[in-house]
Protein backbone atom coordinates (compact mmCIF):
# COMPACT_ATOMS: atom_id res chain seq x y z
CA MET A 1 145.00 -79.04 186.51
CA SER A 2 147.22 -76.17 186.66
CA SER A 3 148.01 -74.30 189.65
CA VAL A 4 147.34 -71.12 187.90
CA SER A 5 144.64 -71.92 186.58
CA GLU A 6 143.38 -73.37 190.65
CA ILE A 7 143.92 -69.59 191.42
CA ALA A 8 141.60 -68.49 188.47
CA ASN A 9 138.60 -71.40 189.57
CA ILE A 10 138.76 -69.66 193.31
CA PHE A 11 137.89 -65.91 192.21
CA GLU A 12 135.37 -67.89 190.03
CA ALA A 13 133.98 -69.28 192.81
CA PHE A 14 133.99 -66.21 194.91
CA GLN A 15 130.91 -65.52 193.04
CA GLN A 16 129.06 -67.53 194.01
CA VAL A 17 129.87 -66.98 198.42
CA ASN A 18 127.86 -65.30 200.24
CA VAL A 19 129.52 -63.35 203.57
CA LEU A 20 127.22 -61.62 206.39
CA ILE A 21 129.28 -58.79 207.63
CA ILE A 22 127.88 -56.88 210.74
CA GLY A 23 129.50 -53.56 212.22
CA ASP A 24 130.41 -50.56 212.39
CA VAL A 25 129.74 -48.48 209.32
CA MET A 26 130.81 -45.68 208.36
CA ILE A 27 132.46 -42.55 206.06
CA ASP A 28 135.27 -42.07 205.07
CA ARG A 29 135.25 -38.18 203.99
CA TYR A 30 138.22 -36.63 202.24
CA LEU A 31 139.27 -33.02 201.34
CA TYR A 32 141.63 -31.90 198.74
CA GLY A 33 143.26 -28.45 198.41
CA SER A 34 145.90 -26.36 199.88
CA SER A 35 147.08 -23.47 201.91
CA ASN A 36 148.86 -20.22 200.74
CA ARG A 37 147.86 -17.64 203.61
CA ILE A 38 147.69 -16.95 206.94
CA SER A 39 144.24 -15.95 208.71
CA PRO A 40 143.59 -12.19 209.36
CA GLU A 41 142.08 -13.64 212.67
CA ALA A 42 144.66 -16.15 214.40
CA PRO A 43 147.77 -17.26 213.30
CA VAL A 44 146.86 -19.59 210.94
CA PRO A 45 147.32 -20.97 207.89
CA ILE A 46 143.96 -21.63 205.66
CA PHE A 47 142.94 -24.18 203.85
CA ASP A 48 141.01 -23.81 200.50
CA ILE A 49 138.96 -26.54 199.52
CA GLU A 50 139.43 -27.56 196.16
CA ARG A 51 137.24 -30.72 196.15
CA SER A 52 135.56 -33.19 198.11
CA GLU A 53 134.66 -37.50 197.93
CA ASP A 54 133.22 -39.03 200.18
CA ILE A 55 133.97 -42.98 200.20
CA LEU A 56 132.41 -46.17 202.10
CA GLY A 57 134.14 -46.64 205.15
CA GLY A 58 134.71 -49.71 208.49
CA ALA A 59 132.54 -52.41 207.29
CA ALA A 60 130.52 -50.93 204.05
CA ASN A 61 134.00 -50.98 202.97
CA VAL A 62 134.63 -54.63 204.38
CA ALA A 63 131.00 -54.96 202.12
CA LEU A 64 132.55 -52.92 199.75
CA ASN A 65 136.02 -55.47 199.29
CA VAL A 66 133.60 -58.68 199.42
CA LYS A 67 131.87 -57.48 196.36
CA LYS A 68 135.26 -56.62 194.50
CA LEU A 69 135.82 -60.12 195.11
CA GLY A 70 132.42 -61.11 193.81
CA GLY A 71 131.45 -62.33 196.87
CA THR A 72 127.76 -60.93 197.72
CA PRO A 73 127.91 -58.60 200.88
CA ILE A 74 125.19 -58.54 203.33
CA LEU A 75 125.26 -56.11 205.66
CA VAL A 76 124.21 -55.28 209.18
CA SER A 77 124.50 -51.89 211.30
CA VAL A 78 123.70 -49.06 212.81
CA ALA A 79 124.19 -45.68 211.42
CA GLY A 80 122.93 -42.11 212.84
CA ASN A 81 119.26 -40.66 211.67
CA ASP A 82 121.20 -37.70 209.97
CA ASN A 83 122.26 -36.09 206.79
CA ASP A 84 125.56 -38.42 206.98
CA GLY A 85 123.69 -41.66 207.67
CA GLN A 86 121.35 -40.47 203.88
CA LYS A 87 124.84 -40.27 202.34
CA LEU A 88 125.90 -43.56 203.55
CA LEU A 89 122.79 -45.29 202.20
CA LYS A 90 123.20 -43.58 198.55
CA LEU A 91 126.71 -44.24 199.19
CA LEU A 92 125.80 -48.38 199.54
CA HIS A 93 123.30 -47.75 196.74
CA GLN A 94 125.58 -46.69 193.87
CA LYS A 95 128.09 -49.33 195.29
CA GLU A 96 124.88 -52.31 194.91
CA ILE A 97 125.40 -53.14 198.28
CA TYR A 98 121.65 -54.31 199.65
CA SER A 99 121.28 -51.43 202.96
CA THR A 100 118.11 -53.39 203.97
CA GLY A 101 120.04 -54.29 207.51
CA ILE A 102 120.65 -50.94 208.45
CA THR A 103 119.48 -49.02 211.39
CA LEU A 104 119.04 -45.26 211.47
CA ALA A 105 118.81 -44.81 214.79
CA GLU A 106 117.38 -41.71 216.52
CA GLY A 107 119.57 -39.47 218.89
CA ARG A 108 123.26 -41.39 217.38
CA LYS A 109 125.70 -40.12 214.93
CA THR A 110 126.93 -41.16 211.79
CA THR A 111 130.57 -41.67 212.02
CA VAL A 112 133.04 -39.46 209.58
CA LYS A 113 136.39 -39.75 208.97
CA THR A 114 137.61 -36.82 207.92
CA ARG A 115 141.23 -35.54 206.34
CA VAL A 116 142.73 -33.02 205.48
CA ILE A 117 144.97 -33.07 201.96
CA ASN A 118 147.12 -31.16 200.77
CA GLU A 119 148.29 -30.97 196.53
CA GLU A 120 151.25 -32.96 197.22
CA GLY A 121 149.26 -35.22 198.78
CA LYS A 122 150.27 -34.94 201.95
CA TYR A 123 147.69 -35.37 204.97
CA LEU A 124 147.58 -32.64 207.37
CA HIS A 125 144.67 -33.36 209.51
CA ARG A 126 142.16 -35.55 209.99
CA PHE A 127 138.51 -35.28 212.05
CA ASP A 128 136.48 -37.85 213.64
CA TYR A 129 132.61 -37.14 214.10
CA GLU A 130 131.24 -39.62 215.97
CA MET A 131 129.64 -41.76 218.76
CA THR A 132 130.94 -44.91 220.53
CA ASP A 133 128.77 -45.60 223.04
CA ASP A 134 126.77 -48.44 222.75
CA ILE A 135 124.09 -49.04 220.77
CA ASP A 136 120.36 -49.44 222.96
CA GLU A 137 118.56 -52.68 223.86
CA ARG A 138 116.27 -50.98 221.03
CA PHE A 139 118.45 -51.12 217.81
CA GLU A 140 120.23 -54.59 219.75
CA ILE A 141 117.17 -55.92 218.91
CA ALA A 142 116.59 -54.82 215.63
CA LEU A 143 119.87 -55.93 214.96
CA ILE A 144 119.42 -59.31 215.94
CA ASP A 145 115.96 -59.97 214.01
CA SER A 146 117.80 -58.39 210.97
CA THR A 147 120.92 -61.24 211.18
CA VAL A 148 117.83 -64.02 211.37
CA ASP A 149 116.00 -62.75 208.72
CA LEU A 150 119.02 -61.61 206.63
CA ILE A 151 120.39 -65.51 207.21
CA ASP A 152 116.91 -66.55 206.69
CA ALA A 153 117.06 -65.51 203.01
CA ASN A 154 120.45 -65.37 201.68
CA LYS A 155 122.15 -68.68 204.06
CA PRO A 156 125.45 -66.91 203.90
CA SER A 157 128.38 -68.75 203.93
CA VAL A 158 130.75 -66.80 207.15
CA ILE A 159 129.74 -64.09 209.27
CA LEU A 160 132.25 -61.54 209.64
CA LEU A 161 131.95 -59.60 212.93
CA GLN A 162 133.64 -56.21 212.06
CA ASP A 163 134.09 -54.11 215.59
CA TYR A 164 135.54 -50.89 215.14
CA ASN A 165 134.92 -49.83 218.76
CA LYS A 166 131.76 -47.46 217.41
CA GLY A 167 129.00 -49.23 220.06
CA VAL A 168 127.57 -52.00 217.55
CA LEU A 169 129.07 -54.60 218.73
CA THR A 170 128.17 -54.89 222.10
CA HIS A 171 128.84 -58.09 224.25
CA ARG A 172 125.41 -59.20 224.11
CA LEU A 173 125.62 -58.79 220.14
CA ILE A 174 128.72 -60.37 220.73
CA ALA A 175 127.79 -63.38 222.45
CA ASN A 176 124.22 -63.61 219.96
CA PHE A 177 125.95 -64.01 216.76
CA ILE A 178 128.51 -66.39 217.64
CA HIS A 179 125.87 -68.17 219.57
CA ILE A 180 123.49 -68.58 216.08
CA GLY A 181 127.05 -69.65 213.39
CA LYS A 182 127.42 -72.12 216.08
CA GLN A 183 123.65 -73.75 216.43
CA LEU A 184 123.55 -72.87 212.34
CA ASP A 185 127.32 -74.42 211.39
CA ILE A 186 128.58 -71.37 210.02
CA PRO A 187 131.52 -69.82 210.60
CA VAL A 188 132.48 -66.62 212.09
CA VAL A 189 135.24 -64.65 211.23
CA VAL A 190 136.42 -61.54 213.77
CA ASP A 191 137.85 -58.59 213.05
CA PRO A 192 138.68 -57.35 216.34
CA LYS A 193 139.56 -53.46 218.39
CA ILE A 194 141.15 -53.49 221.85
CA ASN A 195 137.24 -53.33 224.04
CA ASN A 196 136.19 -56.21 222.95
CA PHE A 197 138.89 -58.17 222.64
CA PHE A 198 138.27 -60.93 225.05
CA ASN A 199 134.90 -61.16 224.58
CA TYR A 200 134.69 -63.33 220.84
CA LYS A 201 135.03 -67.15 222.71
CA ASP A 202 134.68 -69.53 220.21
CA CYS A 203 134.93 -67.41 216.76
CA THR A 204 136.70 -69.59 213.85
CA LEU A 205 138.98 -67.42 213.23
CA PHE A 206 140.68 -64.28 214.96
CA LYS A 207 142.52 -61.61 212.82
CA PRO A 208 143.82 -58.84 215.13
CA ASN A 209 146.84 -56.73 214.75
CA LEU A 210 150.49 -56.36 216.27
CA ARG A 211 149.52 -52.95 218.54
CA GLU A 212 145.97 -54.27 219.44
CA ALA A 213 147.28 -57.90 220.40
CA SER A 214 150.09 -56.23 222.54
CA GLU A 215 147.09 -54.05 224.59
CA SER A 216 145.32 -56.38 225.08
CA LEU A 217 147.57 -58.85 226.70
CA GLY A 218 149.59 -56.27 228.08
CA LEU A 219 153.01 -57.24 226.76
CA ASP A 220 155.23 -55.08 224.54
CA LEU A 221 155.54 -56.76 221.25
CA THR A 222 156.77 -54.18 219.30
CA ASN A 223 160.59 -55.33 218.62
CA ALA A 224 159.72 -58.51 220.12
CA GLN A 225 161.76 -61.72 219.02
CA PRO A 226 159.70 -64.19 216.31
CA ASP A 227 159.13 -66.83 219.54
CA ALA A 228 157.39 -64.32 222.01
CA ILE A 229 155.62 -63.21 218.75
CA HIS A 230 154.51 -66.71 217.89
CA GLN A 231 153.31 -67.26 222.17
CA ALA A 232 150.98 -63.97 221.82
CA ALA A 233 149.70 -65.61 218.92
CA ARG A 234 148.35 -69.42 220.15
CA GLU A 235 147.84 -67.78 223.88
CA ILE A 236 145.08 -65.56 221.75
CA ARG A 237 143.95 -68.77 220.43
CA GLU A 238 143.90 -70.73 223.38
CA ARG A 239 142.29 -67.82 225.36
CA LEU A 240 139.58 -67.82 222.71
CA ASN A 241 139.16 -71.16 221.98
CA CYS A 242 138.99 -70.20 218.27
CA LYS A 243 140.72 -72.29 214.98
CA HIS A 244 142.85 -69.48 213.93
CA VAL A 245 144.57 -66.60 214.40
CA VAL A 246 145.85 -64.40 212.10
CA LEU A 247 148.48 -61.59 213.35
CA THR A 248 149.25 -58.85 210.41
CA LEU A 249 152.58 -57.67 211.57
CA SER A 250 152.06 -54.29 209.39
CA GLU A 251 155.94 -54.53 206.85
CA GLN A 252 156.82 -57.71 209.07
CA GLY A 253 154.23 -59.88 207.14
CA MET A 254 151.65 -61.59 208.88
CA LEU A 255 151.46 -64.94 211.25
CA PHE A 256 148.73 -68.03 211.14
CA ASP A 257 148.76 -69.28 214.33
CA GLU A 258 145.73 -73.05 214.53
CA GLU A 259 146.70 -75.94 217.20
CA GLY A 260 150.45 -78.08 216.18
CA ASP A 261 150.68 -75.46 213.58
CA SER A 262 152.29 -71.47 213.15
CA ASP A 263 154.18 -70.09 210.03
CA TRP A 264 155.51 -66.24 209.33
CA MET A 265 154.44 -65.10 206.38
CA PRO A 266 156.61 -62.40 205.22
CA ALA A 267 155.85 -59.07 203.45
CA TYR A 268 156.51 -58.53 200.06
CA GLU A 269 158.54 -55.43 198.69
CA ARG A 270 155.68 -52.12 198.08
CA ASN A 271 155.68 -49.00 197.19
CA ILE A 272 153.82 -47.94 200.21
CA VAL A 273 152.04 -44.88 199.73
CA ASP A 274 148.35 -45.83 202.47
CA VAL A 275 147.95 -47.96 204.94
CA SER A 276 143.97 -46.99 205.30
CA GLY A 277 141.70 -49.84 205.12
CA ALA A 278 144.28 -52.30 204.28
CA GLY A 279 142.79 -54.81 207.66
CA ASP A 280 139.71 -54.75 205.67
CA THR A 281 141.00 -55.93 202.60
CA VAL A 282 142.70 -58.81 204.48
CA VAL A 283 139.84 -59.78 206.46
CA SER A 284 137.75 -60.04 203.78
CA VAL A 285 139.66 -62.34 201.72
CA LEU A 286 139.91 -63.74 204.78
CA ALA A 287 136.34 -64.62 205.34
CA MET A 288 136.17 -65.32 201.01
CA GLY A 289 138.64 -68.55 201.74
CA VAL A 290 136.39 -70.05 205.10
CA ALA A 291 133.23 -69.61 203.86
CA MET A 292 134.85 -71.69 200.31
CA GLY A 293 136.47 -73.79 203.08
CA LEU A 294 140.22 -73.11 201.76
CA ASP A 295 143.06 -74.18 203.41
CA LEU A 296 144.12 -71.48 205.39
CA PHE A 297 147.46 -71.35 204.97
CA ALA A 298 147.01 -70.55 201.72
CA THR A 299 144.16 -68.05 202.08
CA THR A 300 146.58 -65.86 204.64
CA GLU A 301 149.05 -65.90 201.65
CA LEU A 302 145.92 -64.59 199.53
CA ALA A 303 145.16 -62.14 202.13
CA ASN A 304 148.54 -61.10 202.85
CA ILE A 305 149.37 -59.90 199.02
CA ALA A 306 145.79 -58.18 198.94
CA GLY A 307 146.65 -56.51 201.74
CA GLY A 308 149.76 -55.08 200.43
CA LEU A 309 148.55 -54.14 197.38
CA VAL A 310 145.78 -51.86 198.32
CA CYS A 311 148.61 -50.15 200.34
CA GLU A 312 149.85 -48.78 196.88
CA LYS A 313 147.14 -46.48 196.56
CA PRO A 314 146.47 -43.49 198.66
CA GLY A 315 143.31 -43.44 200.77
CA VAL A 316 140.91 -46.05 201.75
CA CYS A 317 140.04 -48.83 198.58
CA PRO A 318 138.73 -51.68 198.15
CA ILE A 319 141.04 -54.49 196.29
CA ASP A 320 141.07 -55.32 192.18
CA ALA A 321 139.91 -59.46 192.05
CA GLU A 322 141.43 -58.61 189.01
CA GLU A 323 145.12 -57.26 190.04
CA LEU A 324 145.07 -59.76 193.01
CA MET A 325 144.32 -62.50 191.02
CA VAL A 326 147.42 -62.07 188.47
CA GLU A 327 149.50 -60.92 191.24
CA ALA A 328 149.08 -63.91 193.37
CA GLU A 329 149.84 -66.31 190.26
CA ARG A 330 153.13 -64.15 190.08
CA ILE A 331 154.21 -64.54 193.46
CA MET A 332 152.49 -68.03 194.47
CA PHE A 333 153.89 -69.85 191.24
CA GLY A 334 155.80 -67.72 190.11
CA GLU A 335 156.54 -66.52 186.11
CA GLU A 336 157.84 -69.76 184.57
CA GLU A 337 154.62 -71.71 186.35
CA ILE A 338 152.25 -69.32 184.74
CA SER A 339 151.99 -71.58 181.04
CA ASP A 340 149.65 -73.64 179.10
CA GLU A 341 150.86 -77.15 180.76
CA ILE A 342 148.40 -79.42 182.77
CA VAL A 343 149.48 -80.87 185.77
CA GLU A 344 147.15 -83.29 187.20
CA GLU A 345 146.99 -82.06 190.79
CA THR A 346 144.25 -82.17 194.03
CA PRO A 347 142.22 -78.98 193.94
CA ILE A 348 141.79 -76.55 196.89
CA VAL A 349 138.40 -75.60 196.30
CA GLU A 350 135.81 -77.99 195.61
CA GLU A 351 133.69 -77.46 192.04
CA ILE A 352 130.50 -75.94 193.05
CA PRO A 353 127.76 -77.58 191.55
CA THR A 354 125.71 -75.60 188.78
CA SER A 355 122.70 -77.99 188.90
CA ASP A 356 119.56 -75.88 188.13
CA VAL A 357 117.90 -77.88 190.85
CA PRO A 358 117.25 -76.14 193.90
CA PRO A 359 117.87 -77.51 196.95
CA ASP A 360 115.64 -78.67 200.10
CA PRO A 361 114.55 -75.28 201.86
CA ALA A 362 116.35 -74.94 204.93
CA PRO A 363 114.03 -74.54 208.69
CA PRO A 364 113.14 -70.85 209.47
CA ILE A 365 115.93 -69.67 211.18
CA GLU A 366 114.10 -68.19 214.28
CA GLU A 367 112.34 -71.60 214.77
CA ASP A 368 115.32 -73.43 214.50
CA LEU A 369 116.98 -71.45 216.98
CA LYS A 370 114.20 -72.30 219.47
CA LYS A 371 114.59 -75.52 218.77
CA LYS A 372 118.62 -75.62 219.69
CA SER A 373 118.82 -73.13 221.65
CA ASN A 374 119.20 -72.97 225.71
CA SER A 375 121.46 -69.71 225.32
CA PRO A 376 121.37 -67.57 228.33
CA TYR A 377 122.88 -65.10 226.25
CA LEU A 378 120.14 -64.50 223.86
CA ILE A 379 117.84 -61.30 224.91
CA ASP A 380 114.68 -62.15 226.17
CA LYS A 381 112.52 -59.81 223.42
CA SER A 382 109.16 -60.73 225.76
CA LYS A 383 110.31 -58.19 227.81
CA ASN A 384 110.78 -55.16 225.28
CA LYS A 385 107.09 -55.90 224.42
CA LYS A 386 104.59 -53.24 224.79
CA THR A 387 101.48 -54.88 227.00
CA GLY A 388 98.06 -52.64 227.33
């Protein structure tokens, strides 16, 4: 099997992957128009809106990336029971992403990031409508219940925790979801923000960016030497007791770190238009690779390529699987190796069985957890039951 065929096989195998995504969902709203006059009310320009566009953002954009890669996203989150919450559900439905794990909560706002863009494509303003307080215990329990039910029904190969510090991933829920992953032998991939940075102990793969790592470690890594950045990644991995750290470094590429190995992957030259959503694309590819048990160095290289591709397009946009496959073949193996020549190699991904015979049914997840767990982190639902 040729190396190029291996890449094609990976993308074909992506179609068998179920990814459970838990985190902060939002809408990315774009207002396009122009400003040609000054307001008579105050010396400020008047912006004439010519069109608007709403697209999926946050964990919902991660779900869209997974779907575009060929996988099946299963999304769990809390949004506001408001007009934007209904709009979010409609957008998910239009993209054929399951929304049964989304809870609409009274008293919460659905996060909306509104960007104002002029006729030249220049960003003028961004307005955020959001609530960042942690969800309360009622909704923590709702998310636990949704997660247990969705795992039981969909048998995900990986859990992806997408944290934007908007209140969905509380300390208690983080501990619960990592605990569930460990008990059921499901790897847990994390895309963190600063507030909960060191609460993701025992996850499988942790993907911060350089700013998040710098602030969380109390270091200035902006212009640090490579040795210092390698050391920072190693410290994060050791403090979290996780297997892998992938540190994204913007135009400097990515750093992959695991016990006994730390490798720097330079970024490829790109015509950068917009970096919004690139992290969502990167962690989606990483999660798919972890789910399939791929070589993590090769998976990080694929994620590096994917992140660069989406930066060449305006706005938050998901990766195109066909475009990524072609670009990966070009970069990873070179044009001269893309041929019909067959070379015997050890596959980097096992063949997925195509048998029509279903596997033995798994035991109910909730019952299984009760048998296995004495974790102090799990929420005691009994104290929330109503009594007569």
